[in-house]
Amino acid sequence: MTFTGAPASAPYLSTFTLATTQNSGVTPTFASTNHVICTVSGNVVTMIIGTGTCTVKATWATNDYYLGTSLTQSTTATKLNTNTTITGTATLTPSNHEKVTVYFGVTNGVNAVGGNVTVTASSGETCTGTVLAGKCAVTFAAAGSKTLTATYTGNPNNNASTSASFPLIVN
């Protein structure tokens, strides 16, 4: 008997297919030993979290000629990489040009990302907003040329990331 298909590591929300060979004529059943990290449907494994170890057990039943047995394989779950961007800015109020709304986004290429983003100006001011809201408001101490960066803090399924520099002139 052989049991193959589980990679050494697999990212959050990815799938992989298990395979076996045997001469007993018995088709094995597959099961996850930790349903919090991965699930199994037929011979397809889905990684449902970005950290931990997924262990899958293949079990062959006893038949007239062979005793039942089982084998396991483990895969380390990994977080998805993210991309954080500042998509634009807008003056928050016409009478206060030092207060600016900064719009940002975070993607992992697979699904919606949750968590917080902190925007930092080269002059030291910061603001924090959720990825879902996609914005935060920063109040600058003085007018002038600024450079903004947005930093996503990551979560159990997604790696942290920082945007490219975004130039801003505060009038």
N, C-alpha and C. Protein backbone atom coordinates (compact mmCIF):
# COMPACT_ATOMS: atom_id res chain seq x y z
N MET A 1 0.83 -1.18 0.00
CA MET A 1 0.00 0.00 0.00
C MET A 1 0.88 1.24 0.00
N THR A 2 0.44 2.25 -0.72
CA THR A 2 1.08 3.55 -0.65
C THR A 2 -0.01 4.61 -0.49
N PHE A 3 0.38 5.72 0.08
CA PHE A 3 -0.53 6.83 0.34
C PHE A 3 0.25 8.08 -0.03
N THR A 4 -0.20 8.81 -1.06
CA THR A 4 0.52 9.99 -1.53
C THR A 4 -0.45 11.15 -1.73
N GLY A 5 0.11 12.31 -1.99
CA GLY A 5 -0.68 13.47 -2.36
C GLY A 5 -0.62 14.62 -1.38
N ALA A 6 -0.28 14.37 -0.13
CA ALA A 6 -0.22 15.46 0.85
C ALA A 6 1.11 16.19 0.72
N PRO A 7 1.09 17.47 0.34
CA PRO A 7 2.34 18.22 0.24
C PRO A 7 2.89 18.54 1.63
N ALA A 8 4.13 18.95 1.69
CA ALA A 8 4.75 19.33 2.96
C ALA A 8 4.04 20.53 3.57
N SER A 9 3.61 21.48 2.72
CA SER A 9 2.87 22.63 3.20
C SER A 9 1.84 23.03 2.15
N ALA A 10 0.77 23.68 2.63
CA ALA A 10 -0.29 24.13 1.72
C ALA A 10 -0.93 25.39 2.30
N PRO A 11 -1.21 26.38 1.45
CA PRO A 11 -1.79 27.63 1.95
C PRO A 11 -3.27 27.51 2.29
N TYR A 12 -3.69 28.41 3.15
CA TYR A 12 -5.08 28.58 3.53
C TYR A 12 -5.98 28.57 2.29
N LEU A 13 -7.07 27.85 2.35
CA LEU A 13 -8.10 27.70 1.32
C LEU A 13 -7.66 26.92 0.09
N SER A 14 -6.47 26.37 0.08
CA SER A 14 -6.06 25.56 -1.05
C SER A 14 -6.60 24.13 -0.89
N THR A 15 -6.58 23.38 -1.98
CA THR A 15 -6.99 21.97 -1.95
C THR A 15 -5.90 21.12 -2.57
N PHE A 16 -5.88 19.87 -2.17
CA PHE A 16 -5.01 18.91 -2.83
C PHE A 16 -5.70 17.55 -2.83
N THR A 17 -5.27 16.69 -3.75
CA THR A 17 -5.90 15.40 -3.94
C THR A 17 -5.00 14.29 -3.42
N LEU A 18 -5.60 13.38 -2.67
CA LEU A 18 -4.88 12.23 -2.12
C LEU A 18 -5.00 11.05 -3.08
N ALA A 19 -4.01 10.17 -3.05
CA ALA A 19 -4.03 8.98 -3.89
C ALA A 19 -3.46 7.80 -3.11
N THR A 20 -3.91 6.62 -3.45
CA THR A 20 -3.39 5.41 -2.83
C THR A 20 -3.22 4.33 -3.89
N THR A 21 -2.36 3.40 -3.59
CA THR A 21 -2.28 2.17 -4.37
C THR A 21 -2.31 1.02 -3.38
N GLN A 22 -2.93 -0.05 -3.76
CA GLN A 22 -3.01 -1.23 -2.90
C GLN A 22 -3.32 -2.44 -3.77
N ASN A 23 -2.96 -3.60 -3.27
CA ASN A 23 -3.27 -4.82 -4.00
C ASN A 23 -4.38 -5.62 -3.32
N SER A 24 -4.99 -5.05 -2.29
CA SER A 24 -6.02 -5.76 -1.54
C SER A 24 -7.40 -5.66 -2.19
N GLY A 25 -7.57 -4.71 -3.11
CA GLY A 25 -8.88 -4.50 -3.69
C GLY A 25 -9.80 -3.66 -2.81
N VAL A 26 -9.32 -3.26 -1.65
CA VAL A 26 -10.12 -2.47 -0.72
C VAL A 26 -9.80 -0.99 -0.95
N THR A 27 -10.83 -0.20 -1.19
CA THR A 27 -10.65 1.24 -1.35
C THR A 27 -10.62 1.87 0.04
N PRO A 28 -9.62 2.70 0.31
CA PRO A 28 -9.54 3.30 1.65
C PRO A 28 -10.53 4.45 1.83
N THR A 29 -10.77 4.79 3.07
CA THR A 29 -11.51 6.01 3.40
C THR A 29 -10.49 6.99 3.97
N PHE A 30 -10.74 8.26 3.74
CA PHE A 30 -9.85 9.32 4.21
C PHE A 30 -10.59 10.17 5.24
N ALA A 31 -9.86 10.59 6.27
CA ALA A 31 -10.45 11.45 7.30
C ALA A 31 -9.38 12.38 7.86
N SER A 32 -9.78 13.60 8.18
CA SER A 32 -8.91 14.54 8.86
C SER A 32 -8.91 14.22 10.34
N THR A 33 -7.74 14.25 10.95
CA THR A 33 -7.68 14.03 12.39
C THR A 33 -7.82 15.34 13.16
N ASN A 34 -7.85 16.48 12.44
CA ASN A 34 -8.05 17.78 13.08
C ASN A 34 -8.91 18.63 12.16
N HIS A 35 -10.23 18.59 12.35
CA HIS A 35 -11.19 19.27 11.48
C HIS A 35 -11.12 20.79 11.57
N VAL A 36 -10.35 21.32 12.51
CA VAL A 36 -10.20 22.78 12.62
C VAL A 36 -9.22 23.29 11.57
N ILE A 37 -8.31 22.46 11.12
CA ILE A 37 -7.26 22.88 10.19
C ILE A 37 -7.57 22.49 8.75
N CYS A 38 -8.14 21.28 8.57
CA CYS A 38 -8.46 20.84 7.22
C CYS A 38 -9.67 19.91 7.24
N THR A 39 -10.33 19.84 6.09
CA THR A 39 -11.45 18.92 5.93
C THR A 39 -11.16 18.02 4.74
N VAL A 40 -11.83 16.87 4.72
CA VAL A 40 -11.66 15.92 3.63
C VAL A 40 -13.03 15.57 3.07
N SER A 41 -13.15 15.62 1.75
CA SER A 41 -14.35 15.18 1.06
C SER A 41 -13.90 14.23 -0.03
N GLY A 42 -14.23 12.95 0.13
CA GLY A 42 -13.72 11.94 -0.79
C GLY A 42 -12.22 11.84 -0.61
N ASN A 43 -11.47 12.20 -1.65
CA ASN A 43 -10.02 12.21 -1.55
C ASN A 43 -9.43 13.61 -1.73
N VAL A 44 -10.26 14.63 -1.55
CA VAL A 44 -9.81 16.03 -1.69
C VAL A 44 -9.76 16.69 -0.32
N VAL A 45 -8.61 17.25 0.00
CA VAL A 45 -8.38 17.94 1.27
C VAL A 45 -8.45 19.44 1.03
N THR A 46 -9.15 20.16 1.92
CA THR A 46 -9.23 21.61 1.88
C THR A 46 -8.64 22.18 3.16
N MET A 47 -7.68 23.08 3.01
CA MET A 47 -7.07 23.75 4.16
C MET A 47 -8.01 24.88 4.58
N ILE A 48 -8.54 24.82 5.81
CA ILE A 48 -9.53 25.80 6.23
C ILE A 48 -8.99 26.83 7.23
N ILE A 49 -7.70 26.78 7.50
CA ILE A 49 -7.05 27.78 8.34
C ILE A 49 -5.59 27.88 7.90
N GLY A 50 -4.94 28.98 8.22
CA GLY A 50 -3.59 29.23 7.74
C GLY A 50 -2.47 28.85 8.68
N THR A 51 -2.78 28.23 9.82
CA THR A 51 -1.74 27.82 10.75
C THR A 51 -2.07 26.44 11.30
N GLY A 52 -1.05 25.70 11.68
CA GLY A 52 -1.24 24.39 12.28
C GLY A 52 -0.83 23.27 11.35
N THR A 53 -1.10 22.04 11.77
CA THR A 53 -0.75 20.86 10.99
C THR A 53 -2.00 20.06 10.68
N CYS A 54 -2.21 19.79 9.41
CA CYS A 54 -3.32 18.96 8.94
C CYS A 54 -2.80 17.53 8.83
N THR A 55 -3.44 16.61 9.54
CA THR A 55 -3.08 15.20 9.42
C THR A 55 -4.27 14.46 8.85
N VAL A 56 -4.03 13.70 7.78
CA VAL A 56 -5.07 12.92 7.12
C VAL A 56 -4.73 11.45 7.28
N LYS A 57 -5.75 10.67 7.62
CA LYS A 57 -5.59 9.24 7.84
C LYS A 57 -6.33 8.48 6.74
N ALA A 58 -5.62 7.58 6.08
CA ALA A 58 -6.22 6.66 5.11
C ALA A 58 -6.40 5.31 5.82
N THR A 59 -7.62 4.79 5.77
CA THR A 59 -7.92 3.53 6.47
C THR A 59 -8.46 2.51 5.48
N TRP A 60 -7.83 1.34 5.49
CA TRP A 60 -8.28 0.22 4.67
C TRP A 60 -8.96 -0.80 5.59
N ALA A 61 -10.14 -1.24 5.22
CA ALA A 61 -10.87 -2.22 6.02
C ALA A 61 -10.31 -3.62 5.78
N THR A 62 -10.57 -4.50 6.72
CA THR A 62 -10.19 -5.92 6.58
C THR A 62 -11.06 -6.55 5.51
N ASN A 63 -10.45 -7.44 4.72
CA ASN A 63 -11.25 -8.25 3.80
C ASN A 63 -10.89 -9.72 4.00
N ASP A 64 -11.29 -10.59 3.11
CA ASP A 64 -11.05 -12.03 3.27
C ASP A 64 -9.57 -12.39 3.23
N TYR A 65 -8.73 -11.53 2.69
CA TYR A 65 -7.33 -11.88 2.50
C TYR A 65 -6.35 -10.99 3.27
N TYR A 66 -6.77 -9.80 3.65
CA TYR A 66 -5.85 -8.86 4.28
C TYR A 66 -6.47 -8.26 5.55
N LEU A 67 -5.60 -7.99 6.50
CA LEU A 67 -6.03 -7.29 7.69
C LEU A 67 -6.15 -5.80 7.39
N GLY A 68 -7.03 -5.12 8.08
CA GLY A 68 -7.18 -3.68 7.91
C GLY A 68 -5.94 -2.96 8.44
N THR A 69 -5.71 -1.78 7.89
CA THR A 69 -4.57 -0.98 8.32
C THR A 69 -4.85 0.49 8.03
N SER A 70 -3.96 1.33 8.48
CA SER A 70 -4.10 2.76 8.18
C SER A 70 -2.72 3.39 8.06
N LEU A 71 -2.69 4.50 7.33
CA LEU A 71 -1.48 5.31 7.17
C LEU A 71 -1.89 6.77 7.33
N THR A 72 -0.96 7.61 7.77
CA THR A 72 -1.24 9.04 7.90
C THR A 72 -0.21 9.86 7.14
N GLN A 73 -0.62 11.06 6.77
CA GLN A 73 0.26 12.05 6.17
C GLN A 73 -0.08 13.40 6.77
N SER A 74 0.92 14.25 6.91
CA SER A 74 0.70 15.57 7.51
C SER A 74 1.17 16.67 6.57
N THR A 75 0.44 17.78 6.62
CA THR A 75 0.73 18.97 5.83
C THR A 75 0.68 20.18 6.76
N THR A 76 1.68 21.04 6.67
CA THR A 76 1.71 22.26 7.47
C THR A 76 0.90 23.34 6.76
N ALA A 77 -0.07 23.92 7.46
CA ALA A 77 -0.86 25.01 6.91
C ALA A 77 -0.03 26.28 6.88
N THR A 78 -0.18 27.06 5.83
CA THR A 78 0.53 28.33 5.71
C THR A 78 -0.45 29.46 5.42
N LYS A 79 -0.08 30.65 5.82
CA LYS A 79 -0.90 31.83 5.58
C LYS A 79 -0.77 32.27 4.13
N LEU A 80 -1.79 32.95 3.65
CA LEU A 80 -1.74 33.54 2.31
C LEU A 80 -1.01 34.88 2.37
N ASN A 81 -0.27 35.19 1.32
CA ASN A 81 0.35 36.51 1.22
C ASN A 81 -0.72 37.53 0.87
N THR A 82 -0.53 38.73 1.31
CA THR A 82 -1.48 39.80 1.03
C THR A 82 -0.81 40.94 0.29
N ASN A 83 -1.63 41.79 -0.30
CA ASN A 83 -1.16 42.99 -0.97
C ASN A 83 -1.98 44.16 -0.43
N THR A 84 -1.31 45.12 0.18
CA THR A 84 -1.97 46.30 0.72
C THR A 84 -1.69 47.49 -0.19
N THR A 85 -2.73 48.26 -0.50
CA THR A 85 -2.57 49.43 -1.35
C THR A 85 -3.33 50.61 -0.76
N ILE A 86 -2.79 51.79 -0.98
CA ILE A 86 -3.54 53.02 -0.72
C ILE A 86 -4.14 53.40 -2.06
N THR A 87 -5.47 53.52 -2.09
CA THR A 87 -6.15 53.74 -3.37
C THR A 87 -6.50 55.20 -3.61
N GLY A 88 -6.43 56.04 -2.58
CA GLY A 88 -6.73 57.45 -2.78
C GLY A 88 -6.90 58.18 -1.46
N THR A 89 -7.07 59.48 -1.56
CA THR A 89 -7.31 60.32 -0.39
C THR A 89 -8.37 61.36 -0.74
N ALA A 90 -8.97 61.91 0.31
CA ALA A 90 -9.94 63.00 0.11
C ALA A 90 -9.90 63.90 1.33
N THR A 91 -10.00 65.22 1.11
CA THR A 91 -10.07 66.15 2.22
C THR A 91 -11.37 65.87 2.95
N LEU A 92 -11.28 65.73 4.26
CA LEU A 92 -12.45 65.34 5.05
C LEU A 92 -13.49 66.46 5.13
N THR A 93 -13.04 67.67 5.36
CA THR A 93 -13.97 68.80 5.40
C THR A 93 -13.35 69.96 4.62
N PRO A 94 -14.17 70.71 3.89
CA PRO A 94 -13.61 71.84 3.12
C PRO A 94 -12.94 72.89 4.00
N SER A 95 -13.36 73.03 5.25
CA SER A 95 -12.78 74.06 6.11
C SER A 95 -11.53 73.59 6.84
N ASN A 96 -11.22 72.31 6.80
CA ASN A 96 -10.05 71.79 7.53
C ASN A 96 -9.26 70.88 6.59
N HIS A 97 -8.35 71.46 5.82
CA HIS A 97 -7.59 70.71 4.84
C HIS A 97 -6.54 69.80 5.46
N GLU A 98 -6.28 69.94 6.76
CA GLU A 98 -5.31 69.06 7.41
C GLU A 98 -5.94 67.72 7.81
N LYS A 99 -7.25 67.58 7.70
CA LYS A 99 -7.91 66.32 8.04
C LYS A 99 -8.25 65.61 6.73
N VAL A 100 -7.66 64.43 6.55
CA VAL A 100 -7.75 63.73 5.26
C VAL A 100 -8.22 62.30 5.48
N THR A 101 -9.14 61.86 4.64
CA THR A 101 -9.54 60.45 4.64
C THR A 101 -8.62 59.71 3.68
N VAL A 102 -8.06 58.61 4.18
CA VAL A 102 -7.17 57.78 3.37
C VAL A 102 -7.91 56.48 3.07
N TYR A 103 -8.00 56.12 1.79
CA TYR A 103 -8.68 54.90 1.36
C TYR A 103 -7.64 53.83 1.05
N PHE A 104 -7.91 52.61 1.49
CA PHE A 104 -6.94 51.52 1.30
C PHE A 104 -7.68 50.23 1.00
N GLY A 105 -6.92 49.25 0.55
CA GLY A 105 -7.47 47.92 0.30
C GLY A 105 -6.42 46.87 0.59
N VAL A 106 -6.89 45.67 0.95
CA VAL A 106 -6.01 44.54 1.18
C VAL A 106 -6.62 43.32 0.48
N THR A 107 -5.82 42.62 -0.31
CA THR A 107 -6.29 41.42 -0.99
C THR A 107 -5.32 40.28 -0.74
N ASN A 108 -5.85 39.06 -0.83
CA ASN A 108 -4.99 37.88 -0.77
C ASN A 108 -5.13 37.03 -2.02
N GLY A 109 -5.92 37.49 -2.98
CA GLY A 109 -6.10 36.79 -4.24
C GLY A 109 -7.11 35.66 -4.18
N VAL A 110 -7.68 35.39 -3.01
CA VAL A 110 -8.59 34.25 -2.88
C VAL A 110 -9.96 34.67 -2.35
N ASN A 111 -9.97 35.36 -1.22
CA ASN A 111 -11.24 35.73 -0.60
C ASN A 111 -11.09 37.04 0.16
N ALA A 112 -12.16 37.46 0.82
CA ALA A 112 -12.13 38.70 1.60
C ALA A 112 -11.16 38.57 2.76
N VAL A 113 -10.48 39.65 3.05
CA VAL A 113 -9.49 39.69 4.12
C VAL A 113 -10.06 40.51 5.27
N GLY A 114 -9.87 40.07 6.50
CA GLY A 114 -10.32 40.82 7.67
C GLY A 114 -9.13 41.31 8.47
N GLY A 115 -9.37 42.29 9.31
CA GLY A 115 -8.32 42.81 10.18
C GLY A 115 -8.20 44.31 10.08
N ASN A 116 -7.11 44.83 10.59
CA ASN A 116 -6.89 46.28 10.66
C ASN A 116 -5.73 46.72 9.78
N VAL A 117 -5.82 47.99 9.37
CA VAL A 117 -4.77 48.65 8.61
C VAL A 117 -4.42 49.94 9.32
N THR A 118 -3.13 50.19 9.49
CA THR A 118 -2.67 51.45 10.07
C THR A 118 -1.96 52.25 8.98
N VAL A 119 -2.41 53.47 8.79
CA VAL A 119 -1.79 54.38 7.83
C VAL A 119 -0.84 55.28 8.61
N THR A 120 0.39 55.40 8.13
CA THR A 120 1.40 56.21 8.79
C THR A 120 1.93 57.24 7.80
N ALA A 121 2.00 58.48 8.24
CA ALA A 121 2.55 59.56 7.42
C ALA A 121 4.02 59.75 7.75
N SER A 122 4.77 60.25 6.79
CA SER A 122 6.20 60.51 7.00
C SER A 122 6.42 61.53 8.10
N SER A 123 5.41 62.33 8.41
CA SER A 123 5.51 63.34 9.48
C SER A 123 5.07 62.79 10.84
N GLY A 124 4.73 61.49 10.91
CA GLY A 124 4.44 60.84 12.18
C GLY A 124 2.98 60.62 12.52
N GLU A 125 2.06 61.26 11.85
CA GLU A 125 0.65 61.06 12.14
C GLU A 125 0.19 59.68 11.66
N THR A 126 -0.79 59.12 12.38
CA THR A 126 -1.32 57.80 12.02
C THR A 126 -2.83 57.77 12.16
N CYS A 127 -3.42 56.80 11.53
CA CYS A 127 -4.83 56.46 11.74
C CYS A 127 -4.98 54.98 11.48
N THR A 128 -5.99 54.38 12.08
CA THR A 128 -6.23 52.94 11.91
C THR A 128 -7.69 52.72 11.54
N GLY A 129 -7.89 51.83 10.60
CA GLY A 129 -9.24 51.45 10.17
C GLY A 129 -9.29 49.98 9.85
N THR A 130 -10.48 49.44 9.72
CA THR A 130 -10.63 48.03 9.37
C THR A 130 -10.54 47.85 7.86
N VAL A 131 -10.16 46.66 7.45
CA VAL A 131 -10.12 46.35 6.02
C VAL A 131 -11.53 46.49 5.45
N LEU A 132 -12.53 46.06 6.21
CA LEU A 132 -13.91 46.13 5.75
C LEU A 132 -14.34 47.58 5.46
N ALA A 133 -14.00 48.50 6.36
CA ALA A 133 -14.34 49.91 6.14
C ALA A 133 -13.54 50.49 4.98
N GLY A 134 -12.28 50.08 4.84
CA GLY A 134 -11.44 50.53 3.74
C GLY A 134 -10.95 51.95 3.82
N LYS A 135 -11.01 52.55 5.02
CA LYS A 135 -10.57 53.94 5.14
C LYS A 135 -10.32 54.28 6.60
N CYS A 136 -9.59 55.37 6.80
CA CYS A 136 -9.43 55.99 8.12
C CYS A 136 -9.11 57.46 7.89
N ALA A 137 -9.27 58.27 8.92
CA ALA A 137 -9.04 59.71 8.81
C ALA A 137 -7.83 60.10 9.63
N VAL A 138 -6.93 60.82 9.01
CA VAL A 138 -5.73 61.29 9.69
C VAL A 138 -5.76 62.82 9.72
N THR A 139 -5.39 63.38 10.86
CA THR A 139 -5.31 64.83 11.01
C THR A 139 -3.84 65.21 11.07
N PHE A 140 -3.41 66.04 10.12
CA PHE A 140 -2.02 66.46 10.05
C PHE A 140 -1.79 67.69 10.90
N ALA A 141 -0.66 67.76 11.53
CA ALA A 141 -0.30 68.90 12.39
C ALA A 141 0.02 70.14 11.56
N ALA A 142 0.49 69.91 10.33
CA ALA A 142 0.88 71.05 9.49
C ALA A 142 0.72 70.68 8.03
N ALA A 143 0.55 71.69 7.20
CA ALA A 143 0.48 71.49 5.76
C ALA A 143 1.87 71.11 5.24
N GLY A 144 1.89 70.59 4.02
CA GLY A 144 3.16 70.27 3.39
C GLY A 144 3.12 68.94 2.66
N SER A 145 4.26 68.56 2.16
CA SER A 145 4.41 67.31 1.40
C SER A 145 4.56 66.14 2.38
N LYS A 146 3.79 65.12 2.17
CA LYS A 146 3.81 63.94 3.05
C LYS A 146 3.94 62.68 2.19
N THR A 147 4.38 61.62 2.83
CA THR A 147 4.37 60.30 2.21
C THR A 147 3.62 59.37 3.15
N LEU A 148 2.65 58.64 2.60
CA LEU A 148 1.84 57.72 3.39
C LEU A 148 2.20 56.27 3.07
N THR A 149 2.11 55.42 4.08
CA THR A 149 2.17 53.97 3.86
C THR A 149 1.05 53.35 4.70
N ALA A 150 0.50 52.25 4.20
CA ALA A 150 -0.54 51.52 4.91
C ALA A 150 0.00 50.14 5.25
N THR A 151 -0.16 49.74 6.52
CA THR A 151 0.34 48.45 6.97
C THR A 151 -0.82 47.59 7.47
N TYR A 152 -1.00 46.44 6.83
CA TYR A 152 -1.99 45.46 7.26
C TYR A 152 -1.33 44.57 8.30
N THR A 153 -1.98 44.36 9.44
CA THR A 153 -1.37 43.62 10.54
C THR A 153 -1.42 42.11 10.38
N GLY A 154 -2.18 41.60 9.43
CA GLY A 154 -2.30 40.16 9.25
C GLY A 154 -3.31 39.56 10.21
N ASN A 155 -3.56 38.28 10.05
CA ASN A 155 -4.45 37.52 10.93
C ASN A 155 -4.07 36.05 10.85
N PRO A 156 -4.78 35.14 11.51
CA PRO A 156 -4.35 33.73 11.48
C PRO A 156 -4.28 33.10 10.10
N ASN A 157 -4.92 33.70 9.09
CA ASN A 157 -4.92 33.12 7.75
C ASN A 157 -4.15 33.92 6.72
N ASN A 158 -3.79 35.15 7.04
CA ASN A 158 -3.17 36.04 6.06
C ASN A 158 -1.94 36.72 6.65
N ASN A 159 -0.88 36.79 5.83
CA ASN A 159 0.34 37.47 6.25
C ASN A 159 0.17 38.98 6.24
N ALA A 160 0.95 39.66 7.04
CA ALA A 160 0.99 41.12 7.07
C ALA A 160 1.61 41.64 5.77
N SER A 161 1.28 42.89 5.42
CA SER A 161 1.89 43.51 4.25
C SER A 161 1.84 45.03 4.40
N THR A 162 2.73 45.69 3.67
CA THR A 162 2.80 47.16 3.70
C THR A 162 2.71 47.67 2.27
N SER A 163 1.96 48.74 2.09
CA SER A 163 1.77 49.33 0.77
C SER A 163 3.04 50.02 0.29
N ALA A 164 3.03 50.35 -0.99
CA ALA A 164 4.06 51.23 -1.54
C ALA A 164 3.81 52.63 -0.99
N SER A 165 4.80 53.48 -1.06
CA SER A 165 4.66 54.87 -0.60
C SER A 165 3.63 55.59 -1.47
N PHE A 166 2.84 56.44 -0.83
CA PHE A 166 1.81 57.20 -1.52
C PHE A 166 2.05 58.69 -1.21
N PRO A 167 2.35 59.49 -2.24
CA PRO A 167 2.63 60.91 -2.00
C PRO A 167 1.34 61.69 -1.76
N LEU A 168 1.42 62.70 -0.88
CA LEU A 168 0.26 63.53 -0.56
C LEU A 168 0.73 64.94 -0.27
N ILE A 169 0.03 65.91 -0.82
CA ILE A 169 0.28 67.32 -0.51
C ILE A 169 -0.88 67.80 0.36
N VAL A 170 -0.57 68.23 1.57
CA VAL A 170 -1.58 68.77 2.47
C VAL A 170 -1.49 70.29 2.38
N ASN A 171 -2.60 70.94 1.99
CA ASN A 171 -2.62 72.41 1.82
C ASN A 171 -3.02 73.11 3.09
